N, C-alpha and C. Protein backbone atom coordinates (compact mmCIF):
# COMPACT_ATOMS: atom_id res chain seq x y z
N MET A 1 74.89 239.51 -21.87
CA MET A 1 75.41 240.71 -21.23
C MET A 1 74.91 240.79 -19.79
N THR A 2 75.72 241.36 -18.95
CA THR A 2 75.32 241.57 -17.56
C THR A 2 74.40 242.79 -17.50
N ASP A 3 73.66 242.90 -16.40
CA ASP A 3 72.75 244.04 -16.25
C ASP A 3 73.50 245.36 -16.39
N ARG A 4 74.62 245.48 -15.72
CA ARG A 4 75.38 246.74 -15.80
C ARG A 4 75.87 246.99 -17.22
N ALA A 5 76.30 245.95 -17.91
CA ALA A 5 76.77 246.13 -19.29
C ALA A 5 75.64 246.55 -20.21
N ILE A 6 74.43 246.04 -19.96
CA ILE A 6 73.28 246.43 -20.77
C ILE A 6 72.98 247.91 -20.59
N VAL A 7 72.98 248.37 -19.35
CA VAL A 7 72.72 249.79 -19.10
C VAL A 7 73.83 250.64 -19.69
N ARG A 8 75.08 250.19 -19.55
CA ARG A 8 76.21 250.94 -20.12
C ARG A 8 76.06 251.05 -21.64
N ALA A 9 75.66 249.96 -22.30
CA ALA A 9 75.45 250.00 -23.75
C ALA A 9 74.30 250.95 -24.10
N GLY A 10 73.26 250.97 -23.26
CA GLY A 10 72.16 251.90 -23.48
C GLY A 10 72.62 253.35 -23.38
N LEU A 11 73.46 253.65 -22.42
CA LEU A 11 74.00 255.01 -22.31
C LEU A 11 74.77 255.38 -23.58
N ARG A 12 75.59 254.45 -24.05
CA ARG A 12 76.36 254.72 -25.28
C ARG A 12 75.42 254.96 -26.45
N ALA A 13 74.37 254.14 -26.55
CA ALA A 13 73.41 254.28 -27.66
C ALA A 13 72.70 255.63 -27.62
N LEU A 14 72.54 256.18 -26.42
CA LEU A 14 71.90 257.49 -26.26
C LEU A 14 72.89 258.64 -26.40
N GLY A 15 74.16 258.30 -26.60
CA GLY A 15 75.19 259.33 -26.72
C GLY A 15 75.61 259.93 -25.39
N GLU A 16 75.31 259.22 -24.31
CA GLU A 16 75.67 259.68 -22.97
C GLU A 16 77.02 259.07 -22.57
N PRO A 17 77.71 259.72 -21.66
CA PRO A 17 78.96 259.13 -21.17
C PRO A 17 78.70 257.77 -20.53
N ALA A 18 79.53 256.79 -20.87
CA ALA A 18 79.35 255.44 -20.36
C ALA A 18 80.48 255.01 -19.45
N GLU A 19 81.44 255.87 -19.22
CA GLU A 19 82.58 255.56 -18.34
C GLU A 19 82.74 256.71 -17.35
N GLY A 20 83.34 256.39 -16.22
CA GLY A 20 83.63 257.41 -15.23
C GLY A 20 82.59 257.44 -14.12
N PRO A 21 82.87 258.24 -13.10
CA PRO A 21 82.00 258.28 -11.92
C PRO A 21 80.55 258.68 -12.24
N ALA A 22 80.35 259.63 -13.12
CA ALA A 22 78.98 260.04 -13.45
C ALA A 22 78.23 258.91 -14.15
N ALA A 23 78.90 258.18 -15.01
CA ALA A 23 78.27 257.05 -15.69
C ALA A 23 77.93 255.95 -14.69
N GLU A 24 78.83 255.68 -13.76
CA GLU A 24 78.57 254.65 -12.75
C GLU A 24 77.35 255.03 -11.90
N ALA A 25 77.25 256.31 -11.56
CA ALA A 25 76.09 256.78 -10.79
C ALA A 25 74.81 256.64 -11.61
N ALA A 26 74.89 256.94 -12.90
CA ALA A 26 73.71 256.80 -13.77
C ALA A 26 73.30 255.34 -13.89
N ILE A 27 74.27 254.45 -14.03
CA ILE A 27 73.97 253.02 -14.12
C ILE A 27 73.32 252.54 -12.82
N ASP A 28 73.87 252.97 -11.69
CA ASP A 28 73.28 252.60 -10.40
C ASP A 28 71.84 253.08 -10.30
N ALA A 29 71.58 254.30 -10.76
CA ALA A 29 70.22 254.86 -10.69
C ALA A 29 69.26 254.08 -11.59
N VAL A 30 69.68 253.75 -12.79
CA VAL A 30 68.82 252.97 -13.69
C VAL A 30 68.50 251.61 -13.08
N LEU A 31 69.51 250.95 -12.55
CA LEU A 31 69.29 249.62 -11.96
C LEU A 31 68.42 249.69 -10.71
N ALA A 32 68.56 250.74 -9.92
CA ALA A 32 67.70 250.91 -8.75
C ALA A 32 66.25 251.10 -9.19
N GLY A 33 66.04 251.84 -10.28
CA GLY A 33 64.70 252.03 -10.80
C GLY A 33 64.13 250.79 -11.47
N TYR A 34 65.01 249.95 -11.94
CA TYR A 34 64.61 248.71 -12.62
C TYR A 34 64.03 247.68 -11.65
N LEU A 35 64.55 247.62 -10.44
CA LEU A 35 64.15 246.57 -9.50
C LEU A 35 62.66 246.57 -9.17
N PRO A 36 62.03 247.71 -8.86
CA PRO A 36 60.59 247.66 -8.61
C PRO A 36 59.78 247.29 -9.85
N ILE A 37 60.26 247.69 -11.01
CA ILE A 37 59.58 247.33 -12.26
C ILE A 37 59.69 245.83 -12.49
N LEU A 38 60.88 245.28 -12.26
CA LEU A 38 61.08 243.84 -12.38
C LEU A 38 60.16 243.09 -11.42
N ALA A 39 60.07 243.55 -10.19
CA ALA A 39 59.20 242.89 -9.20
C ALA A 39 57.75 242.90 -9.66
N ASP A 40 57.30 244.03 -10.20
CA ASP A 40 55.92 244.12 -10.71
C ASP A 40 55.71 243.19 -11.89
N GLU A 41 56.66 243.15 -12.81
CA GLU A 41 56.55 242.27 -13.98
C GLU A 41 56.52 240.80 -13.59
N LEU A 42 57.37 240.43 -12.66
CA LEU A 42 57.39 239.03 -12.20
C LEU A 42 56.07 238.66 -11.53
N ALA A 43 55.52 239.57 -10.74
CA ALA A 43 54.26 239.30 -10.06
C ALA A 43 53.10 239.20 -11.05
N ALA A 44 53.17 239.95 -12.13
CA ALA A 44 52.07 240.00 -13.10
C ALA A 44 52.17 238.96 -14.21
N THR A 45 53.28 238.24 -14.27
CA THR A 45 53.48 237.27 -15.34
C THR A 45 53.10 235.88 -14.88
N PRO A 46 52.04 235.33 -15.46
CA PRO A 46 51.64 233.97 -15.05
C PRO A 46 52.52 232.91 -15.70
N GLY A 47 52.54 231.75 -15.11
CA GLY A 47 53.19 230.60 -15.74
C GLY A 47 54.69 230.54 -15.62
N ILE A 48 55.30 231.39 -14.81
CA ILE A 48 56.75 231.29 -14.63
C ILE A 48 57.02 230.04 -13.81
N ARG A 49 57.92 229.20 -14.31
CA ARG A 49 58.18 227.94 -13.61
C ARG A 49 59.63 227.53 -13.83
N LEU A 50 60.04 226.58 -13.04
CA LEU A 50 61.38 226.02 -13.18
C LEU A 50 61.42 225.05 -14.36
N HIS A 51 62.57 224.95 -14.97
CA HIS A 51 62.76 223.93 -16.00
C HIS A 51 62.79 222.56 -15.32
N PRO A 52 62.44 221.52 -16.06
CA PRO A 52 62.46 220.16 -15.49
C PRO A 52 63.82 219.80 -14.91
N GLY A 53 63.79 219.19 -13.74
CA GLY A 53 65.00 218.70 -13.11
C GLY A 53 65.71 219.66 -12.18
N VAL A 54 65.32 220.93 -12.20
CA VAL A 54 66.04 221.91 -11.37
C VAL A 54 65.85 221.61 -9.88
N SER A 55 64.63 221.41 -9.45
CA SER A 55 64.40 221.13 -8.02
C SER A 55 65.13 219.87 -7.58
N ALA A 56 65.05 218.82 -8.37
CA ALA A 56 65.72 217.57 -8.03
C ALA A 56 67.23 217.76 -7.96
N ALA A 57 67.79 218.54 -8.87
CA ALA A 57 69.23 218.79 -8.87
C ALA A 57 69.64 219.58 -7.63
N LEU A 58 68.86 220.58 -7.27
CA LEU A 58 69.16 221.36 -6.07
C LEU A 58 69.06 220.49 -4.81
N ASP A 59 68.04 219.65 -4.76
CA ASP A 59 67.89 218.73 -3.61
C ASP A 59 69.07 217.77 -3.52
N ALA A 60 69.44 217.19 -4.65
CA ALA A 60 70.55 216.23 -4.66
C ALA A 60 71.86 216.90 -4.25
N ALA A 61 72.11 218.09 -4.77
CA ALA A 61 73.34 218.80 -4.42
C ALA A 61 73.36 219.16 -2.94
N ALA A 62 72.22 219.59 -2.41
CA ALA A 62 72.15 219.98 -1.00
C ALA A 62 72.39 218.79 -0.06
N SER A 63 72.09 217.59 -0.55
CA SER A 63 72.25 216.41 0.30
C SER A 63 73.69 215.88 0.30
N ARG A 64 74.53 216.45 -0.54
CA ARG A 64 75.90 215.97 -0.66
C ARG A 64 76.85 216.78 0.21
N ARG A 65 77.68 216.07 0.92
CA ARG A 65 78.72 216.71 1.70
C ARG A 65 79.79 217.22 0.75
N GLY A 66 80.35 218.37 1.05
CA GLY A 66 81.44 218.90 0.23
C GLY A 66 80.98 219.54 -1.06
N VAL A 67 79.68 219.85 -1.16
CA VAL A 67 79.14 220.51 -2.34
C VAL A 67 78.61 221.88 -1.91
N ALA A 68 78.99 222.89 -2.62
CA ALA A 68 78.47 224.24 -2.39
C ALA A 68 77.74 224.66 -3.66
N VAL A 69 76.51 225.11 -3.51
CA VAL A 69 75.70 225.50 -4.65
C VAL A 69 75.57 227.01 -4.71
N GLY A 70 76.12 227.58 -5.76
CA GLY A 70 76.08 229.03 -5.92
C GLY A 70 75.43 229.39 -7.24
N LEU A 71 75.21 230.65 -7.42
CA LEU A 71 74.60 231.17 -8.63
C LEU A 71 75.59 232.07 -9.34
N GLY A 72 75.76 231.87 -10.61
CA GLY A 72 76.56 232.76 -11.44
C GLY A 72 75.64 233.37 -12.47
N THR A 73 75.46 234.67 -12.41
CA THR A 73 74.52 235.33 -13.31
C THR A 73 74.94 236.76 -13.60
N GLY A 74 74.59 237.21 -14.77
CA GLY A 74 74.82 238.60 -15.14
C GLY A 74 73.84 239.56 -14.50
N ASN A 75 72.82 239.02 -13.86
CA ASN A 75 71.86 239.87 -13.14
C ASN A 75 72.54 240.47 -11.91
N ILE A 76 72.14 241.68 -11.55
CA ILE A 76 72.59 242.20 -10.27
C ILE A 76 71.95 241.33 -9.19
N ARG A 77 72.59 241.25 -8.04
CA ARG A 77 72.15 240.33 -6.99
C ARG A 77 70.68 240.52 -6.62
N PRO A 78 70.21 241.74 -6.36
CA PRO A 78 68.80 241.87 -5.98
C PRO A 78 67.84 241.43 -7.09
N GLY A 79 68.19 241.65 -8.33
CA GLY A 79 67.35 241.21 -9.44
C GLY A 79 67.32 239.70 -9.55
N ALA A 80 68.48 239.08 -9.37
CA ALA A 80 68.55 237.61 -9.41
C ALA A 80 67.69 237.01 -8.30
N LEU A 81 67.75 237.60 -7.11
CA LEU A 81 66.97 237.07 -5.99
C LEU A 81 65.47 237.26 -6.22
N LEU A 82 65.08 238.35 -6.87
CA LEU A 82 63.67 238.52 -7.22
C LEU A 82 63.21 237.42 -8.18
N LYS A 83 64.01 237.16 -9.19
CA LYS A 83 63.66 236.14 -10.18
C LYS A 83 63.60 234.76 -9.54
N LEU A 84 64.60 234.42 -8.74
CA LEU A 84 64.61 233.11 -8.09
C LEU A 84 63.49 233.00 -7.06
N GLY A 85 63.20 234.09 -6.38
CA GLY A 85 62.11 234.09 -5.41
C GLY A 85 60.77 233.82 -6.05
N ARG A 86 60.60 234.27 -7.27
CA ARG A 86 59.34 234.06 -7.99
C ARG A 86 59.04 232.58 -8.20
N VAL A 87 60.09 231.76 -8.28
CA VAL A 87 59.91 230.31 -8.45
C VAL A 87 60.28 229.54 -7.18
N GLY A 88 60.46 230.27 -6.09
CA GLY A 88 60.65 229.63 -4.80
C GLY A 88 62.00 229.03 -4.51
N ILE A 89 63.04 229.50 -5.18
CA ILE A 89 64.36 228.90 -4.94
C ILE A 89 65.44 229.92 -4.56
N ALA A 90 65.05 231.11 -4.20
CA ALA A 90 66.06 232.13 -3.86
C ALA A 90 66.93 231.69 -2.69
N ASP A 91 66.36 230.93 -1.77
CA ASP A 91 67.12 230.51 -0.60
C ASP A 91 67.99 229.28 -0.85
N ARG A 92 67.99 228.76 -2.06
CA ARG A 92 68.74 227.54 -2.37
C ARG A 92 70.19 227.83 -2.77
N PHE A 93 70.53 229.09 -2.94
CA PHE A 93 71.87 229.47 -3.37
C PHE A 93 72.55 230.25 -2.26
N ALA A 94 73.56 229.65 -1.66
CA ALA A 94 74.22 230.24 -0.49
C ALA A 94 75.15 231.40 -0.86
N PHE A 95 75.53 231.50 -2.10
CA PHE A 95 76.49 232.51 -2.55
C PHE A 95 76.36 232.65 -4.05
N GLY A 96 77.17 233.50 -4.61
CA GLY A 96 77.16 233.62 -6.06
C GLY A 96 78.17 234.61 -6.56
N GLY A 97 78.20 234.73 -7.87
CA GLY A 97 78.93 235.76 -8.58
C GLY A 97 77.89 236.43 -9.45
N PHE A 98 77.73 237.73 -9.29
CA PHE A 98 76.61 238.45 -9.89
C PHE A 98 77.09 239.57 -10.82
N GLY A 99 76.18 240.04 -11.64
CA GLY A 99 76.46 241.18 -12.50
C GLY A 99 76.81 242.43 -11.72
N SER A 100 76.43 242.46 -10.45
CA SER A 100 76.82 243.58 -9.59
C SER A 100 78.26 243.44 -9.10
N ASP A 101 78.83 242.24 -9.24
CA ASP A 101 80.24 242.04 -8.87
C ASP A 101 81.19 242.45 -9.99
N HIS A 102 80.77 242.17 -11.22
CA HIS A 102 81.62 242.49 -12.37
C HIS A 102 80.80 242.42 -13.64
N GLU A 103 81.20 243.16 -14.66
CA GLU A 103 80.48 243.14 -15.93
C GLU A 103 80.90 242.01 -16.84
N ASP A 104 82.06 241.45 -16.61
CA ASP A 104 82.56 240.35 -17.43
C ASP A 104 82.06 239.03 -16.85
N ARG A 105 81.41 238.21 -17.68
CA ARG A 105 80.81 236.95 -17.22
C ARG A 105 81.84 236.01 -16.60
N ALA A 106 82.98 235.84 -17.21
CA ALA A 106 84.00 234.94 -16.65
C ALA A 106 84.49 235.45 -15.30
N THR A 107 84.68 236.74 -15.18
CA THR A 107 85.16 237.30 -13.92
C THR A 107 84.13 237.11 -12.81
N LEU A 108 82.86 237.32 -13.11
CA LEU A 108 81.86 237.15 -12.06
C LEU A 108 81.72 235.67 -11.68
N LEU A 109 81.91 234.76 -12.64
CA LEU A 109 81.92 233.33 -12.30
C LEU A 109 83.12 233.00 -11.42
N ALA A 110 84.27 233.58 -11.70
CA ALA A 110 85.46 233.35 -10.88
C ALA A 110 85.23 233.86 -9.46
N ILE A 111 84.57 234.99 -9.33
CA ILE A 111 84.24 235.53 -8.00
C ILE A 111 83.33 234.55 -7.26
N GLY A 112 82.31 234.06 -7.95
CA GLY A 112 81.41 233.09 -7.34
C GLY A 112 82.12 231.81 -6.95
N ALA A 113 83.01 231.31 -7.81
CA ALA A 113 83.76 230.08 -7.51
C ALA A 113 84.65 230.29 -6.29
N ALA A 114 85.25 231.46 -6.18
CA ALA A 114 86.08 231.75 -5.01
C ALA A 114 85.23 231.79 -3.74
N ARG A 115 84.04 232.35 -3.83
CA ARG A 115 83.14 232.36 -2.67
C ARG A 115 82.73 230.95 -2.28
N GLY A 116 82.48 230.11 -3.27
CA GLY A 116 82.12 228.73 -2.99
C GLY A 116 83.26 227.97 -2.33
N ALA A 117 84.46 228.18 -2.82
CA ALA A 117 85.62 227.52 -2.23
C ALA A 117 85.80 227.97 -0.77
N ALA A 118 85.60 229.25 -0.53
CA ALA A 118 85.70 229.77 0.83
C ALA A 118 84.67 229.11 1.74
N ARG A 119 83.46 228.91 1.25
CA ARG A 119 82.42 228.23 2.05
C ARG A 119 82.83 226.81 2.38
N LEU A 120 83.52 226.17 1.45
CA LEU A 120 83.97 224.80 1.67
C LEU A 120 85.27 224.73 2.47
N GLY A 121 85.91 225.89 2.66
CA GLY A 121 87.14 225.93 3.43
C GLY A 121 88.34 225.37 2.70
N CYS A 122 88.36 225.52 1.38
CA CYS A 122 89.51 225.02 0.63
C CYS A 122 89.88 226.01 -0.47
N ALA A 123 91.02 225.76 -1.07
CA ALA A 123 91.48 226.61 -2.17
C ALA A 123 90.62 226.37 -3.40
N ARG A 124 90.38 227.40 -4.14
CA ARG A 124 89.57 227.31 -5.36
C ARG A 124 90.13 226.25 -6.30
N GLU A 125 91.44 226.15 -6.39
CA GLU A 125 92.08 225.21 -7.30
C GLU A 125 91.78 223.75 -6.94
N ARG A 126 91.36 223.49 -5.72
CA ARG A 126 91.07 222.13 -5.28
C ARG A 126 89.60 221.77 -5.48
N CYS A 127 88.81 222.71 -5.98
CA CYS A 127 87.37 222.50 -6.14
C CYS A 127 87.02 222.11 -7.58
N ARG A 128 86.07 221.23 -7.71
CA ARG A 128 85.47 220.96 -9.02
C ARG A 128 84.35 221.97 -9.19
N VAL A 129 84.47 222.81 -10.20
CA VAL A 129 83.46 223.83 -10.48
C VAL A 129 82.74 223.44 -11.75
N VAL A 130 81.42 223.39 -11.67
CA VAL A 130 80.60 223.08 -12.83
C VAL A 130 79.67 224.27 -13.06
N VAL A 131 79.78 224.87 -14.22
CA VAL A 131 78.89 225.97 -14.60
C VAL A 131 77.73 225.38 -15.37
N VAL A 132 76.53 225.56 -14.84
CA VAL A 132 75.32 225.11 -15.53
C VAL A 132 74.78 226.33 -16.28
N GLY A 133 74.63 226.17 -17.58
CA GLY A 133 74.17 227.29 -18.39
C GLY A 133 73.32 226.81 -19.54
N ASP A 134 73.03 227.74 -20.44
CA ASP A 134 72.19 227.38 -21.57
C ASP A 134 72.60 228.07 -22.87
N THR A 135 73.80 228.65 -22.90
CA THR A 135 74.27 229.31 -24.11
C THR A 135 75.75 229.01 -24.34
N PRO A 136 76.21 229.18 -25.58
CA PRO A 136 77.65 229.04 -25.84
C PRO A 136 78.49 230.03 -25.02
N ARG A 137 77.94 231.20 -24.69
CA ARG A 137 78.69 232.16 -23.86
C ARG A 137 78.98 231.58 -22.49
N ASP A 138 78.05 230.79 -21.97
CA ASP A 138 78.28 230.15 -20.67
C ASP A 138 79.45 229.17 -20.77
N VAL A 139 79.55 228.47 -21.88
CA VAL A 139 80.65 227.53 -22.11
C VAL A 139 81.97 228.29 -22.15
N VAL A 140 82.02 229.38 -22.87
CA VAL A 140 83.24 230.19 -22.98
C VAL A 140 83.66 230.70 -21.61
N ALA A 141 82.70 231.20 -20.84
CA ALA A 141 83.02 231.73 -19.51
C ALA A 141 83.50 230.62 -18.58
N ALA A 142 82.86 229.45 -18.65
CA ALA A 142 83.30 228.32 -17.82
C ALA A 142 84.73 227.94 -18.16
N ARG A 143 85.01 227.85 -19.45
CA ARG A 143 86.35 227.49 -19.89
C ARG A 143 87.38 228.52 -19.41
N ALA A 144 86.99 229.79 -19.44
CA ALA A 144 87.91 230.86 -19.05
C ALA A 144 88.33 230.76 -17.59
N ILE A 145 87.50 230.14 -16.74
CA ILE A 145 87.87 230.01 -15.33
C ILE A 145 88.32 228.58 -14.99
N GLY A 146 88.47 227.74 -16.00
CA GLY A 146 88.91 226.37 -15.78
C GLY A 146 87.84 225.48 -15.19
N ALA A 147 86.58 225.79 -15.48
CA ALA A 147 85.46 225.00 -14.95
C ALA A 147 84.89 224.10 -16.03
N GLU A 148 84.18 223.07 -15.59
CA GLU A 148 83.39 222.26 -16.51
C GLU A 148 82.13 223.06 -16.86
N SER A 149 81.52 222.68 -17.97
CA SER A 149 80.24 223.30 -18.34
C SER A 149 79.21 222.22 -18.60
N LEU A 150 78.07 222.39 -17.99
CA LEU A 150 76.93 221.51 -18.24
C LEU A 150 75.86 222.43 -18.80
N VAL A 151 75.62 222.31 -20.11
CA VAL A 151 74.69 223.24 -20.75
C VAL A 151 73.43 222.51 -21.18
N LEU A 152 72.34 223.24 -21.09
CA LEU A 152 71.01 222.71 -21.32
C LEU A 152 70.35 223.41 -22.48
N ALA A 153 69.71 222.64 -23.34
CA ALA A 153 69.04 223.19 -24.52
C ALA A 153 67.66 223.73 -24.13
N THR A 154 67.67 224.74 -23.26
CA THR A 154 66.41 225.31 -22.75
C THR A 154 66.18 226.75 -23.19
N SER A 155 67.09 227.30 -23.97
CA SER A 155 66.95 228.72 -24.32
C SER A 155 67.02 228.99 -25.82
N GLY A 156 66.76 227.99 -26.62
CA GLY A 156 66.77 228.21 -28.06
C GLY A 156 67.98 227.66 -28.78
N PHE A 157 69.04 227.34 -28.06
CA PHE A 157 70.19 226.72 -28.69
C PHE A 157 69.97 225.21 -28.71
N THR A 158 70.26 224.59 -29.84
CA THR A 158 70.09 223.14 -29.95
C THR A 158 71.22 222.42 -29.23
N GLU A 159 71.00 221.15 -28.93
CA GLU A 159 72.06 220.36 -28.32
C GLU A 159 73.28 220.28 -29.23
N VAL A 160 73.05 220.21 -30.53
CA VAL A 160 74.16 220.17 -31.50
C VAL A 160 74.98 221.45 -31.40
N ALA A 161 74.31 222.59 -31.37
CA ALA A 161 75.03 223.87 -31.28
C ALA A 161 75.80 223.97 -29.97
N LEU A 162 75.19 223.50 -28.90
CA LEU A 162 75.86 223.56 -27.60
C LEU A 162 77.06 222.63 -27.55
N ARG A 163 76.93 221.45 -28.14
CA ARG A 163 78.08 220.53 -28.21
C ARG A 163 79.22 221.15 -29.01
N SER A 164 78.85 221.78 -30.13
CA SER A 164 79.89 222.36 -30.98
C SER A 164 80.57 223.57 -30.33
N SER A 165 79.97 224.11 -29.28
CA SER A 165 80.60 225.22 -28.57
C SER A 165 81.69 224.73 -27.62
N GLY A 166 81.81 223.39 -27.48
CA GLY A 166 82.85 222.83 -26.64
C GLY A 166 82.42 222.52 -25.22
N ALA A 167 81.12 222.44 -24.98
CA ALA A 167 80.61 222.16 -23.64
C ALA A 167 81.11 220.81 -23.14
N THR A 168 81.32 220.71 -21.84
CA THR A 168 81.74 219.46 -21.23
C THR A 168 80.60 218.44 -21.28
N HIS A 169 79.39 218.89 -20.95
CA HIS A 169 78.20 218.04 -20.95
C HIS A 169 77.05 218.82 -21.57
N VAL A 170 76.20 218.14 -22.34
CA VAL A 170 75.04 218.78 -22.96
C VAL A 170 73.83 217.88 -22.77
N PHE A 171 72.72 218.47 -22.33
CA PHE A 171 71.47 217.74 -22.14
C PHE A 171 70.31 218.64 -22.54
N SER A 172 69.17 218.02 -22.78
CA SER A 172 67.98 218.81 -23.11
C SER A 172 67.54 219.64 -21.91
N ASP A 173 67.62 219.07 -20.71
CA ASP A 173 67.33 219.76 -19.46
C ASP A 173 67.91 218.93 -18.32
N LEU A 174 67.76 219.37 -17.10
CA LEU A 174 68.36 218.65 -15.97
C LEU A 174 67.65 217.35 -15.63
N ALA A 175 66.46 217.14 -16.19
CA ALA A 175 65.75 215.88 -15.96
C ALA A 175 66.16 214.79 -16.95
N ALA A 176 66.96 215.14 -17.95
CA ALA A 176 67.38 214.17 -18.96
C ALA A 176 68.25 213.09 -18.33
N PRO A 177 68.16 211.87 -18.84
CA PRO A 177 68.99 210.78 -18.30
C PRO A 177 70.47 211.16 -18.33
N GLY A 178 71.12 210.99 -17.20
CA GLY A 178 72.55 211.28 -17.10
C GLY A 178 72.90 212.69 -16.66
N ALA A 179 71.96 213.60 -16.73
CA ALA A 179 72.27 215.00 -16.41
C ALA A 179 72.68 215.18 -14.95
N LEU A 180 71.92 214.61 -14.05
CA LEU A 180 72.22 214.76 -12.64
C LEU A 180 73.56 214.10 -12.28
N ALA A 181 73.82 212.94 -12.84
CA ALA A 181 75.11 212.27 -12.60
C ALA A 181 76.26 213.10 -13.14
N ALA A 182 76.09 213.70 -14.31
CA ALA A 182 77.14 214.55 -14.88
C ALA A 182 77.39 215.76 -13.98
N LEU A 183 76.32 216.31 -13.45
CA LEU A 183 76.44 217.48 -12.60
C LEU A 183 77.17 217.14 -11.31
N LEU A 184 76.76 216.07 -10.66
CA LEU A 184 77.28 215.77 -9.34
C LEU A 184 78.52 214.89 -9.33
N ASP A 185 78.67 214.06 -10.34
CA ASP A 185 79.77 213.10 -10.32
C ASP A 185 80.79 213.30 -11.43
N GLY A 186 80.46 214.12 -12.40
CA GLY A 186 81.39 214.36 -13.49
C GLY A 186 81.30 213.41 -14.54
């Protein structure tokens, strides 16, 4: 679920209105209050680190001409940047599709893909889009926008489960043999 969808579900669970201008204002207020708490939690949590292969993949992608690296996440943009900043990679993503853009995962990925295509100066339809994720939902969202999916068994889903979800590519992590080639070369 995206950040906004989580707050909206919380409003519903509390019996509060979850649609309309008042609900949108309430969601905005909750998310604004969440950001300083998130920053404090990130600062106080030891051992937060990147999964294996992430830095190498970002370096390799940055060195390639005609590659735009964006972030697709259900987090609102400021929350995503806090999380990425905690591991030193917030500046590695030139654009994205965020939970603040839309509550539907496929729609926010489509927004991010369109932004990436614009950065490259070409039509979205002419771009190879690869969604890197770690859940079957990421596979479904990638498929919904006509993108490839490269999913990693880093969040509790097994490689078998991820393969059975219809992923284009499945690896234990980005450091696994073949993962970087699949990401950059297909």
